[in-house]
């Protein structure tokens, strides 16, 4: 983290956040900004490259599109899977163990909250850990599928310096000759267990996220610009209940006007500050 990203412990914004969060059960909503210090870039952060992720419609429409997707997804996933939780992830796990955080709703598919030790995590947009068949519903571990992809495509190499995307994908130089993985049960089409652009968050998953906010006394949004409507809806649920909303994000978000406190900074140091200074339950 650079000095430009740091937040002083005496920051007035942090002081206000500590004041409004003290003694409350806190739900947390996280976005890509929480994982940037783990080496996973943000789609919308300052300086982020313009990207046009494949939509669900494109993926389903043609074998060529799926071939392009799977080449990039495999190359990126190998690099993506080596990312480690950062101190922001660890701080949230510490807050949960201390009884201050009721759970985390994350827009990320990287699984880093779980690896950091958080136990109640609602993965709003799914996870890259699993792949499922669109025809028979069989679920596969991504690690097992990766071995099959490399067995079917022995020519494929994993560059040491992969230009990694937020969802663990890269733009492949070519997909010519790539054998697309298919379901080993029914030969059906496989899809990562993630919400693609053009898809809706499953109703039951959003209901789980709503329940977490409903059982809490405050909401912290960390590392999300809240461009995705599901995040904005959760902030609106909190606002209607008149509970404090603290937003920690580098740059503007769609809900800044609704925040009780807005901290314009990176998430890692701020979350660690909250974990160290929020009073523990008696």
C-alpha atoms as a PDB file:
ATOM      1  CA  UNK A   1       0.000   0.000   0.000  1.00  0.00           C
ATOM      2  CA  UNK A   2       1.349   3.408  -0.919  1.00  0.00           C
ATOM      3  CA  UNK A   3       1.409   6.396   1.391  1.00  0.00           C
ATOM      4  CA  UNK A   4      -1.281   8.008  -0.760  1.00  0.00           C
ATOM      5  CA  UNK A   5      -3.593   5.141   0.136  1.00  0.00           C
ATOM      6  CA  UNK A   6      -2.942   5.190   3.881  1.00  0.00           C
ATOM      7  CA  UNK A   7      -5.329   6.457   6.515  1.00  0.00           C
ATOM      8  CA  UNK A   8      -4.012   7.987   9.728  1.00  0.00           C
ATOM      9  CA  UNK A   9      -5.310   6.492  12.978  1.00  0.00           C
ATOM     10  CA  UNK A  10      -6.329  10.026  13.928  1.00  0.00           C
ATOM     11  CA  UNK A  11      -8.388  10.499  10.782  1.00  0.00           C
ATOM     12  CA  UNK A  12     -11.644  12.283  11.555  1.00  0.00           C
ATOM     13  CA  UNK A  13     -13.534  10.001   9.173  1.00  0.00           C
ATOM     14  CA  UNK A  14     -12.227   6.893  10.944  1.00  0.00           C
ATOM     15  CA  UNK A  15     -13.085   8.439  14.325  1.00  0.00           C
ATOM     16  CA  UNK A  16     -16.648   9.048  13.160  1.00  0.00           C
ATOM     17  CA  UNK A  17     -16.915   5.507  11.833  1.00  0.00           C
ATOM     18  CA  UNK A  18     -15.742   4.098  15.168  1.00  0.00           C
ATOM     19  CA  UNK A  19     -18.292   6.264  16.958  1.00  0.00           C
ATOM     20  CA  UNK A  20     -21.299   5.148  14.890  1.00  0.00           C
ATOM     21  CA  UNK A  21     -20.281   1.471  14.821  1.00  0.00           C
ATOM     22  CA  UNK A  22     -19.427   1.052  18.503  1.00  0.00           C
ATOM     23  CA  UNK A  23     -21.739  -1.357  20.299  1.00  0.00           C
ATOM     24  CA  UNK A  24     -23.512  -2.448  17.117  1.00  0.00           C
ATOM     25  CA  UNK A  25     -23.743  -5.754  15.261  1.00  0.00           C
ATOM     26  CA  UNK A  26     -22.196  -5.053  11.865  1.00  0.00           C
ATOM     27  CA  UNK A  27     -23.028  -6.549   8.484  1.00  0.00           C
ATOM     28  CA  UNK A  28     -20.350  -6.058   5.818  1.00  0.00           C
ATOM     29  CA  UNK A  29     -20.719  -5.758   2.049  1.00  0.00           C
ATOM     30  CA  UNK A  30     -17.462  -6.107   0.113  1.00  0.00           C
ATOM     31  CA  UNK A  31     -16.456  -5.531  -3.486  1.00  0.00           C
ATOM     32  CA  UNK A  32     -13.360  -5.879  -5.645  1.00  0.00           C
ATOM     33  CA  UNK A  33     -11.506  -3.118  -3.776  1.00  0.00           C
ATOM     34  CA  UNK A  34     -11.067  -5.445  -0.790  1.00  0.00           C
ATOM     35  CA  UNK A  35      -8.997  -7.833  -2.916  1.00  0.00           C
ATOM     36  CA  UNK A  36      -6.762  -5.379  -4.776  1.00  0.00           C
ATOM     37  CA  UNK A  37      -4.068  -5.711  -2.094  1.00  0.00           C
ATOM     38  CA  UNK A  38      -4.084  -9.446  -2.845  1.00  0.00           C
ATOM     39  CA  UNK A  39      -3.107  -8.699  -6.437  1.00  0.00           C
ATOM     40  CA  UNK A  40      -6.578  -9.025  -7.949  1.00  0.00           C
ATOM     41  CA  UNK A  41      -7.491  -5.870  -9.897  1.00  0.00           C
ATOM     42  CA  UNK A  42     -10.698  -3.919  -9.710  1.00  0.00           C
ATOM     43  CA  UNK A  43     -12.926  -3.500 -12.778  1.00  0.00           C
ATOM     44  CA  UNK A  44     -13.733   0.096 -11.920  1.00  0.00           C
ATOM     45  CA  UNK A  45     -10.870   1.437  -9.839  1.00  0.00           C
ATOM     46  CA  UNK A  46      -8.768   4.382 -10.940  1.00  0.00           C
ATOM     47  CA  UNK A  47      -6.624   3.334 -13.879  1.00  0.00           C
ATOM     48  CA  UNK A  48      -8.450   0.055 -14.425  1.00  0.00           C
ATOM     49  CA  UNK A  49      -8.396  -1.013 -18.074  1.00  0.00           C
ATOM     50  CA  UNK A  50     -11.605  -0.918 -20.037  1.00  0.00           C
ATOM     51  CA  UNK A  51     -12.899  -4.484 -20.166  1.00  0.00           C
ATOM     52  CA  UNK A  52     -15.828  -6.118 -21.906  1.00  0.00           C
ATOM     53  CA  UNK A  53     -16.513  -9.332 -19.978  1.00  0.00           C
ATOM     54  CA  UNK A  54     -18.406 -12.067 -21.790  1.00  0.00           C
ATOM     55  CA  UNK A  55     -22.121 -12.010 -21.100  1.00  0.00           C
ATOM     56  CA  UNK A  56     -24.192 -15.052 -20.225  1.00  0.00           C
ATOM     57  CA  UNK A  57     -25.977 -14.717 -23.562  1.00  0.00           C
ATOM     58  CA  UNK A  58     -22.687 -14.814 -25.489  1.00  0.00           C
ATOM     59  CA  UNK A  59     -21.429 -17.781 -23.484  1.00  0.00           C
ATOM     60  CA  UNK A  60     -24.575 -19.794 -24.146  1.00  0.00           C
ATOM     61  CA  UNK A  61     -24.925 -18.785 -27.792  1.00  0.00           C
ATOM     62  CA  UNK A  62     -21.907 -20.436 -29.402  1.00  0.00           C
ATOM     63  CA  UNK A  63     -19.195 -23.039 -28.953  1.00  0.00           C
ATOM     64  CA  UNK A  64     -16.616 -20.541 -30.223  1.00  0.00           C
ATOM     65  CA  UNK A  65     -17.547 -18.110 -27.432  1.00  0.00           C
ATOM     66  CA  UNK A  66     -17.276 -20.865 -24.828  1.00  0.00           C
ATOM     67  CA  UNK A  67     -13.894 -21.870 -26.256  1.00  0.00           C
ATOM     68  CA  UNK A  68     -12.608 -18.296 -25.934  1.00  0.00           C
ATOM     69  CA  UNK A  69     -14.016 -18.064 -22.433  1.00  0.00           C
ATOM     70  CA  UNK A  70     -12.514 -21.319 -21.163  1.00  0.00           C
ATOM     71  CA  UNK A  71      -9.011 -20.591 -22.485  1.00  0.00           C
ATOM     72  CA  UNK A  72      -8.934 -17.221 -20.746  1.00  0.00           C
ATOM     73  CA  UNK A  73     -10.691 -18.500 -17.645  1.00  0.00           C
ATOM     74  CA  UNK A  74      -8.270 -21.397 -17.230  1.00  0.00           C
ATOM     75  CA  UNK A  75      -5.135 -19.308 -17.702  1.00  0.00           C
ATOM     76  CA  UNK A  76      -6.425 -16.644 -15.335  1.00  0.00           C
ATOM     77  CA  UNK A  77      -7.717 -19.091 -12.737  1.00  0.00           C
ATOM     78  CA  UNK A  78      -4.277 -20.659 -12.304  1.00  0.00           C
ATOM     79  CA  UNK A  79      -2.897 -17.231 -11.339  1.00  0.00           C
ATOM     80  CA  UNK A  80      -6.094 -16.203  -9.538  1.00  0.00           C
ATOM     81  CA  UNK A  81      -5.969 -19.325  -7.327  1.00  0.00           C
ATOM     82  CA  UNK A  82      -2.525 -18.400  -5.993  1.00  0.00           C
ATOM     83  CA  UNK A  83      -3.758 -15.089  -4.520  1.00  0.00           C
ATOM     84  CA  UNK A  84      -3.694 -14.899  -0.719  1.00  0.00           C
ATOM     85  CA  UNK A  85      -6.017 -13.066   1.700  1.00  0.00           C
ATOM     86  CA  UNK A  86      -4.684  -9.659   2.711  1.00  0.00           C
ATOM     87  CA  UNK A  87      -4.875  -7.889   6.076  1.00  0.00           C
ATOM     88  CA  UNK A  88      -8.276  -6.429   5.216  1.00  0.00           C
ATOM     89  CA  UNK A  89      -9.728  -9.915   4.831  1.00  0.00           C
ATOM     90  CA  UNK A  90      -8.011 -10.922   8.076  1.00  0.00           C
ATOM     91  CA  UNK A  91      -9.386  -7.875   9.913  1.00  0.00           C
ATOM     92  CA  UNK A  92     -12.961  -8.813   8.976  1.00  0.00           C
ATOM     93  CA  UNK A  93     -12.379 -12.383  10.165  1.00  0.00           C
ATOM     94  CA  UNK A  94     -11.051 -10.966  13.449  1.00  0.00           C
ATOM     95  CA  UNK A  95     -14.158  -8.794  13.836  1.00  0.00           C
ATOM     96  CA  UNK A  96     -16.416 -11.793  13.266  1.00  0.00           C
ATOM     97  CA  UNK A  97     -14.562 -13.877  15.852  1.00  0.00           C
ATOM     98  CA  UNK A  98     -14.895 -10.975  18.297  1.00  0.00           C
ATOM     99  CA  UNK A  99     -18.664 -11.011  17.850  1.00  0.00           C
ATOM    100  CA  UNK A 100     -18.806  -7.605  16.138  1.00  0.00           C
ATOM    101  CA  UNK A 101     -19.425  -8.670  12.537  1.00  0.00           C
ATOM    102  CA  UNK A 102     -22.518 -10.801  11.914  1.00  0.00           C
ATOM    103  CA  UNK A 103     -21.349 -11.856   8.463  1.00  0.00           C
ATOM    104  CA  UNK A 104     -20.074 -10.741   5.073  1.00  0.00           C
ATOM    105  CA  UNK A 105     -21.946 -10.313   1.817  1.00  0.00           C
ATOM    106  CA  UNK A 106     -19.345 -10.250  -0.949  1.00  0.00           C
ATOM    107  CA  UNK A 107     -19.602  -9.390  -4.619  1.00  0.00           C
ATOM    108  CA  UNK A 108     -16.247 -11.131  -5.136  1.00  0.00           C
ATOM    109  CA  UNK A 109     -15.861 -14.658  -6.488  1.00  0.00           C
ATOM    110  CA  UNK A 110     -12.303 -15.190  -5.201  1.00  0.00           C
ATOM    111  CA  UNK A 111     -13.115 -17.040  -1.965  1.00  0.00           C
ATOM    112  CA  UNK A 112     -10.558 -14.990  -0.002  1.00  0.00           C
ATOM    113  CA  UNK A 113     -12.916 -14.167   2.871  1.00  0.00           C
ATOM    114  CA  UNK A 114     -13.396 -17.865   3.591  1.00  0.00           C
ATOM    115  CA  UNK A 115      -9.672 -18.537   3.309  1.00  0.00           C
ATOM    116  CA  UNK A 116      -9.018 -15.678   5.761  1.00  0.00           C
ATOM    117  CA  UNK A 117     -11.226 -17.373   8.352  1.00  0.00           C
ATOM    118  CA  UNK A 118     -14.611 -15.661   8.016  1.00  0.00           C
ATOM    119  CA  UNK A 119     -17.302 -18.276   8.613  1.00  0.00           C
ATOM    120  CA  UNK A 120     -20.518 -16.573   7.509  1.00  0.00           C
ATOM    121  CA  UNK A 121     -19.992 -15.406   3.934  1.00  0.00           C
ATOM    122  CA  UNK A 122     -22.762 -14.857   1.385  1.00  0.00           C
ATOM    123  CA  UNK A 123     -21.120 -15.063  -2.046  1.00  0.00           C
ATOM    124  CA  UNK A 124     -23.602 -12.884  -3.897  1.00  0.00           C
ATOM    125  CA  UNK A 125     -22.088 -13.439  -7.346  1.00  0.00           C
ATOM    126  CA  UNK A 126     -21.049 -17.052  -6.858  1.00  0.00           C
ATOM    127  CA  UNK A 127     -17.610 -18.602  -6.639  1.00  0.00           C
ATOM    128  CA  UNK A 128     -14.829 -19.687  -8.965  1.00  0.00           C
ATOM    129  CA  UNK A 129     -14.276 -22.770  -6.801  1.00  0.00           C
ATOM    130  CA  UNK A 130     -17.065 -24.712  -8.505  1.00  0.00           C
ATOM    131  CA  UNK A 131     -18.253 -25.554 -12.012  1.00  0.00           C
ATOM    132  CA  UNK A 132     -21.622 -27.086 -12.778  1.00  0.00           C
ATOM    133  CA  UNK A 133     -23.403 -28.718 -15.697  1.00  0.00           C
ATOM    134  CA  UNK A 134     -26.248 -26.703 -17.199  1.00  0.00           C
ATOM    135  CA  UNK A 135     -27.981 -29.932 -18.270  1.00  0.00           C
ATOM    136  CA  UNK A 136     -27.778 -32.456 -15.415  1.00  0.00           C
ATOM    137  CA  UNK A 137     -26.690 -30.167 -12.565  1.00  0.00           C
ATOM    138  CA  UNK A 138     -23.555 -32.145 -11.654  1.00  0.00           C
ATOM    139  CA  UNK A 139     -21.085 -29.994  -9.679  1.00  0.00           C
ATOM    140  CA  UNK A 140     -17.297 -30.221 -10.156  1.00  0.00           C
ATOM    141  CA  UNK A 141     -14.400 -28.847  -8.141  1.00  0.00           C
ATOM    142  CA  UNK A 142     -12.520 -26.290 -10.236  1.00  0.00           C
ATOM    143  CA  UNK A 143      -9.179 -27.872  -9.324  1.00  0.00           C
ATOM    144  CA  UNK A 144     -10.278 -31.215 -10.754  1.00  0.00           C
ATOM    145  CA  UNK A 145     -11.584 -29.544 -13.885  1.00  0.00           C
ATOM    146  CA  UNK A 146      -8.300 -27.670 -14.327  1.00  0.00           C
ATOM    147  CA  UNK A 147      -6.413 -30.971 -14.363  1.00  0.00           C
ATOM    148  CA  UNK A 148      -8.773 -32.281 -17.043  1.00  0.00           C
ATOM    149  CA  UNK A 149      -8.390 -29.112 -19.122  1.00  0.00           C
ATOM    150  CA  UNK A 150      -4.607 -29.481 -19.082  1.00  0.00           C
ATOM    151  CA  UNK A 151      -4.818 -33.201 -19.872  1.00  0.00           C
ATOM    152  CA  UNK A 152      -7.059 -32.488 -22.896  1.00  0.00           C
ATOM    153  CA  UNK A 153      -4.921 -29.511 -23.959  1.00  0.00           C
ATOM    154  CA  UNK A 154      -1.283 -30.465 -23.214  1.00  0.00           C
ATOM    155  CA  UNK A 155      -0.046 -27.531 -25.299  1.00  0.00           C
ATOM    156  CA  UNK A 156      -1.509 -24.986 -22.948  1.00  0.00           C
ATOM    157  CA  UNK A 157       0.970 -23.069 -20.832  1.00  0.00           C
ATOM    158  CA  UNK A 158       0.477 -20.778 -17.872  1.00  0.00           C
ATOM    159  CA  UNK A 159       2.541 -17.587 -18.302  1.00  0.00           C
ATOM    160  CA  UNK A 160       4.322 -16.415 -15.159  1.00  0.00           C
ATOM    161  CA  UNK A 161       3.054 -12.880 -15.681  1.00  0.00           C
ATOM    162  CA  UNK A 162      -0.597 -13.308 -16.523  1.00  0.00           C
ATOM    163  CA  UNK A 163      -2.616 -10.103 -16.838  1.00  0.00           C
ATOM    164  CA  UNK A 164      -5.247 -11.101 -14.315  1.00  0.00           C
ATOM    165  CA  UNK A 165      -8.847  -9.912 -14.331  1.00  0.00           C
ATOM    166  CA  UNK A 166     -11.137  -9.427 -11.302  1.00  0.00           C
ATOM    167  CA  UNK A 167     -12.993 -12.669 -12.008  1.00  0.00           C
ATOM    168  CA  UNK A 168      -9.851 -14.713 -12.582  1.00  0.00           C
ATOM    169  CA  UNK A 169      -9.813 -14.480 -16.371  1.00  0.00           C
ATOM    170  CA  UNK A 170      -7.403 -13.176 -18.983  1.00  0.00           C
ATOM    171  CA  UNK A 171      -7.734 -12.257 -22.620  1.00  0.00           C
ATOM    172  CA  UNK A 172      -6.140 -15.211 -24.432  1.00  0.00           C
ATOM    173  CA  UNK A 173      -3.918 -14.651 -27.454  1.00  0.00           C
ATOM    174  CA  UNK A 174      -5.753 -17.482 -29.225  1.00  0.00           C
ATOM    175  CA  UNK A 175      -8.253 -20.231 -28.526  1.00  0.00           C
ATOM    176  CA  UNK A 176      -7.562 -22.222 -31.694  1.00  0.00           C
ATOM    177  CA  UNK A 177      -7.518 -25.946 -31.059  1.00  0.00           C
ATOM    178  CA  UNK A 178      -8.659 -25.697 -27.451  1.00  0.00           C
ATOM    179  CA  UNK A 179     -10.843 -28.622 -26.309  1.00  0.00           C
ATOM    180  CA  UNK A 180     -13.747 -27.215 -24.312  1.00  0.00           C
ATOM    181  CA  UNK A 181     -14.414 -29.199 -21.110  1.00  0.00           C
ATOM    182  CA  UNK A 182     -17.773 -30.959 -20.997  1.00  0.00           C
ATOM    183  CA  UNK A 183     -19.709 -32.700 -18.266  1.00  0.00           C
ATOM    184  CA  UNK A 184     -18.214 -36.124 -17.586  1.00  0.00           C
ATOM    185  CA  UNK A 185     -21.679 -37.402 -16.619  1.00  0.00           C
ATOM    186  CA  UNK A 186     -23.867 -36.316 -19.532  1.00  0.00           C
ATOM    187  CA  UNK A 187     -21.547 -34.421 -21.943  1.00  0.00           C
ATOM    188  CA  UNK A 188     -23.529 -31.270 -21.202  1.00  0.00           C
ATOM    189  CA  UNK A 189     -22.291 -27.661 -21.172  1.00  0.00           C
ATOM    190  CA  UNK A 190     -20.242 -26.642 -18.135  1.00  0.00           C
ATOM    191  CA  UNK A 191     -20.380 -23.188 -16.564  1.00  0.00           C
ATOM    192  CA  UNK A 192     -18.485 -21.714 -13.602  1.00  0.00           C
ATOM    193  CA  UNK A 193     -20.727 -21.151 -10.593  1.00  0.00           C
ATOM    194  CA  UNK A 194     -20.631 -17.382 -11.001  1.00  0.00           C
ATOM    195  CA  UNK A 195     -23.142 -14.744 -12.016  1.00  0.00           C
ATOM    196  CA  UNK A 196     -22.163 -13.610 -15.510  1.00  0.00           C
ATOM    197  CA  UNK A 197     -22.850 -10.159 -16.878  1.00  0.00           C
ATOM    198  CA  UNK A 198     -26.443 -10.300 -18.100  1.00  0.00           C
ATOM    199  CA  UNK A 199     -27.534 -12.680 -15.327  1.00  0.00           C
ATOM    200  CA  UNK A 200     -29.454 -11.937 -12.137  1.00  0.00           C
ATOM    201  CA  UNK A 201     -28.301 -12.784  -8.630  1.00  0.00           C
ATOM    202  CA  UNK A 202     -30.293 -15.880  -7.582  1.00  0.00           C
ATOM    203  CA  UNK A 203     -33.331 -14.873  -5.532  1.00  0.00           C
ATOM    204  CA  UNK A 204     -32.481 -17.146  -2.611  1.00  0.00           C
ATOM    205  CA  UNK A 205     -28.926 -15.776  -2.469  1.00  0.00           C
ATOM    206  CA  UNK A 206     -30.130 -12.181  -2.309  1.00  0.00           C
ATOM    207  CA  UNK A 207     -32.668 -13.164   0.368  1.00  0.00           C
ATOM    208  CA  UNK A 208     -29.790 -14.580   2.431  1.00  0.00           C
ATOM    209  CA  UNK A 209     -27.916 -11.294   2.063  1.00  0.00           C
ATOM    210  CA  UNK A 210     -31.012  -9.319   3.049  1.00  0.00           C
ATOM    211  CA  UNK A 211     -31.442 -11.469   6.141  1.00  0.00           C
ATOM    212  CA  UNK A 212     -27.884 -10.762   7.220  1.00  0.00           C
ATOM    213  CA  UNK A 213     -28.475  -6.997   6.937  1.00  0.00           C
ATOM    214  CA  UNK A 214     -31.823  -7.361   8.703  1.00  0.00           C
ATOM    215  CA  UNK A 215     -30.257  -9.017  11.752  1.00  0.00           C
ATOM    216  CA  UNK A 216     -27.560  -6.322  12.064  1.00  0.00           C
ATOM    217  CA  UNK A 217     -27.454  -2.836  13.565  1.00  0.00           C
ATOM    218  CA  UNK A 218     -25.065  -1.272  11.043  1.00  0.00           C
ATOM    219  CA  UNK A 219     -23.733  -1.838   7.536  1.00  0.00           C
ATOM    220  CA  UNK A 220     -20.139  -1.358   6.378  1.00  0.00           C
ATOM    221  CA  UNK A 221     -19.530  -1.248   2.624  1.00  0.00           C
ATOM    222  CA  UNK A 222     -15.879  -1.909   1.797  1.00  0.00           C
ATOM    223  CA  UNK A 223     -14.237  -1.682  -1.605  1.00  0.00           C
ATOM    224  CA  UNK A 224     -17.331  -1.385  -3.766  1.00  0.00           C
ATOM    225  CA  UNK A 225     -18.372   1.501  -5.986  1.00  0.00           C
ATOM    226  CA  UNK A 226     -21.920   0.044  -5.784  1.00  0.00           C
ATOM    227  CA  UNK A 227     -22.404   0.099  -9.534  1.00  0.00           C
ATOM    228  CA  UNK A 228     -24.143  -3.275  -9.341  1.00  0.00           C
ATOM    229  CA  UNK A 229     -27.781  -2.914  -8.326  1.00  0.00           C
ATOM    230  CA  UNK A 230     -27.740  -5.727  -5.761  1.00  0.00           C
ATOM    231  CA  UNK A 231     -25.294  -3.759  -3.615  1.00  0.00           C
ATOM    232  CA  UNK A 232     -27.327  -0.570  -3.872  1.00  0.00           C
ATOM    233  CA  UNK A 233     -30.443  -2.504  -2.848  1.00  0.00           C
ATOM    234  CA  UNK A 234     -28.747  -3.731   0.321  1.00  0.00           C
ATOM    235  CA  UNK A 235     -27.692  -0.176   1.202  1.00  0.00           C
ATOM    236  CA  UNK A 236     -31.292   0.918   0.641  1.00  0.00           C
ATOM    237  CA  UNK A 237     -32.512  -1.836   2.992  1.00  0.00           C
ATOM    238  CA  UNK A 238     -30.169  -0.507   5.666  1.00  0.00           C
ATOM    239  CA  UNK A 239     -31.236   3.091   5.045  1.00  0.00           C
ATOM    240  CA  UNK A 240     -34.928   2.191   5.395  1.00  0.00           C
ATOM    241  CA  UNK A 241     -34.175   0.598   8.749  1.00  0.00           C
ATOM    242  CA  UNK A 242     -32.330   3.795   9.721  1.00  0.00           C
ATOM    243  CA  UNK A 243     -29.176   1.958  10.724  1.00  0.00           C
ATOM    244  CA  UNK A 244     -25.741   3.555  10.167  1.00  0.00           C
ATOM    245  CA  UNK A 245     -24.048   2.951   6.813  1.00  0.00           C
ATOM    246  CA  UNK A 246     -20.266   3.360   6.667  1.00  0.00           C
ATOM    247  CA  UNK A 247     -18.688   3.284   3.191  1.00  0.00           C
ATOM    248  CA  UNK A 248     -14.951   2.684   2.755  1.00  0.00           C
ATOM    249  CA  UNK A 249     -13.922   3.032  -0.869  1.00  0.00           C
ATOM    250  CA  UNK A 250     -11.265   4.763  -2.894  1.00  0.00           C
ATOM    251  CA  UNK A 251     -13.316   7.152  -5.018  1.00  0.00           C
ATOM    252  CA  UNK A 252     -17.023   7.891  -5.322  1.00  0.00           C
ATOM    253  CA  UNK A 253     -19.816   5.336  -4.987  1.00  0.00           C
ATOM    254  CA  UNK A 254     -23.473   5.427  -6.012  1.00  0.00           C
ATOM    255  CA  UNK A 255     -24.536   5.562  -2.357  1.00  0.00           C
ATOM    256  CA  UNK A 256     -22.248   8.255  -0.935  1.00  0.00           C
ATOM    257  CA  UNK A 257     -25.217  10.553  -0.332  1.00  0.00           C
ATOM    258  CA  UNK A 258     -26.856   7.837   1.804  1.00  0.00           C
ATOM    259  CA  UNK A 259     -23.783   7.095   3.911  1.00  0.00           C
ATOM    260  CA  UNK A 260     -23.588   8.046   7.566  1.00  0.00           C
ATOM    261  CA  UNK A 261     -19.814   8.143   7.160  1.00  0.00           C
ATOM    262  CA  UNK A 262     -17.799   7.935   3.935  1.00  0.00           C
ATOM    263  CA  UNK A 263     -14.068   7.151   4.110  1.00  0.00           C
ATOM    264  CA  UNK A 264     -12.338   7.806   0.782  1.00  0.00           C
ATOM    265  CA  UNK A 265      -9.420   5.409   1.093  1.00  0.00           C
ATOM    266  CA  UNK A 266      -8.238   1.887   0.453  1.00  0.00           C
ATOM    267  CA  UNK A 267      -9.862  -0.791   2.542  1.00  0.00           C
ATOM    268  CA  UNK A 268      -6.979  -2.753   4.083  1.00  0.00           C
ATOM    269  CA  UNK A 269      -5.697  -0.184   6.564  1.00  0.00           C
ATOM    270  CA  UNK A 270      -9.160   1.142   7.447  1.00  0.00           C
ATOM    271  CA  UNK A 271     -10.561  -2.319   8.187  1.00  0.00           C
ATOM    272  CA  UNK A 272      -7.515  -3.122  10.322  1.00  0.00           C
ATOM    273  CA  UNK A 273      -8.039   0.156  12.179  1.00  0.00           C
ATOM    274  CA  UNK A 274     -11.663  -0.737  12.888  1.00  0.00           C
ATOM    275  CA  UNK A 275     -10.690  -4.245  14.022  1.00  0.00           C
ATOM    276  CA  UNK A 276      -8.143  -2.884  16.474  1.00  0.00           C
ATOM    277  CA  UNK A 277     -10.160   0.000  17.898  1.00  0.00           C
ATOM    278  CA  UNK A 278     -13.805  -1.085  18.014  1.00  0.00           C
ATOM    279  CA  UNK A 279     -14.761  -2.028  21.603  1.00  0.00           C
ATOM    280  CA  UNK A 280     -15.456  -5.712  22.211  1.00  0.00           C
ATOM    281  CA  UNK A 281     -18.780  -6.892  23.689  1.00  0.00           C
ATOM    282  CA  UNK A 282     -18.745  -7.187  27.466  1.00  0.00           C
END
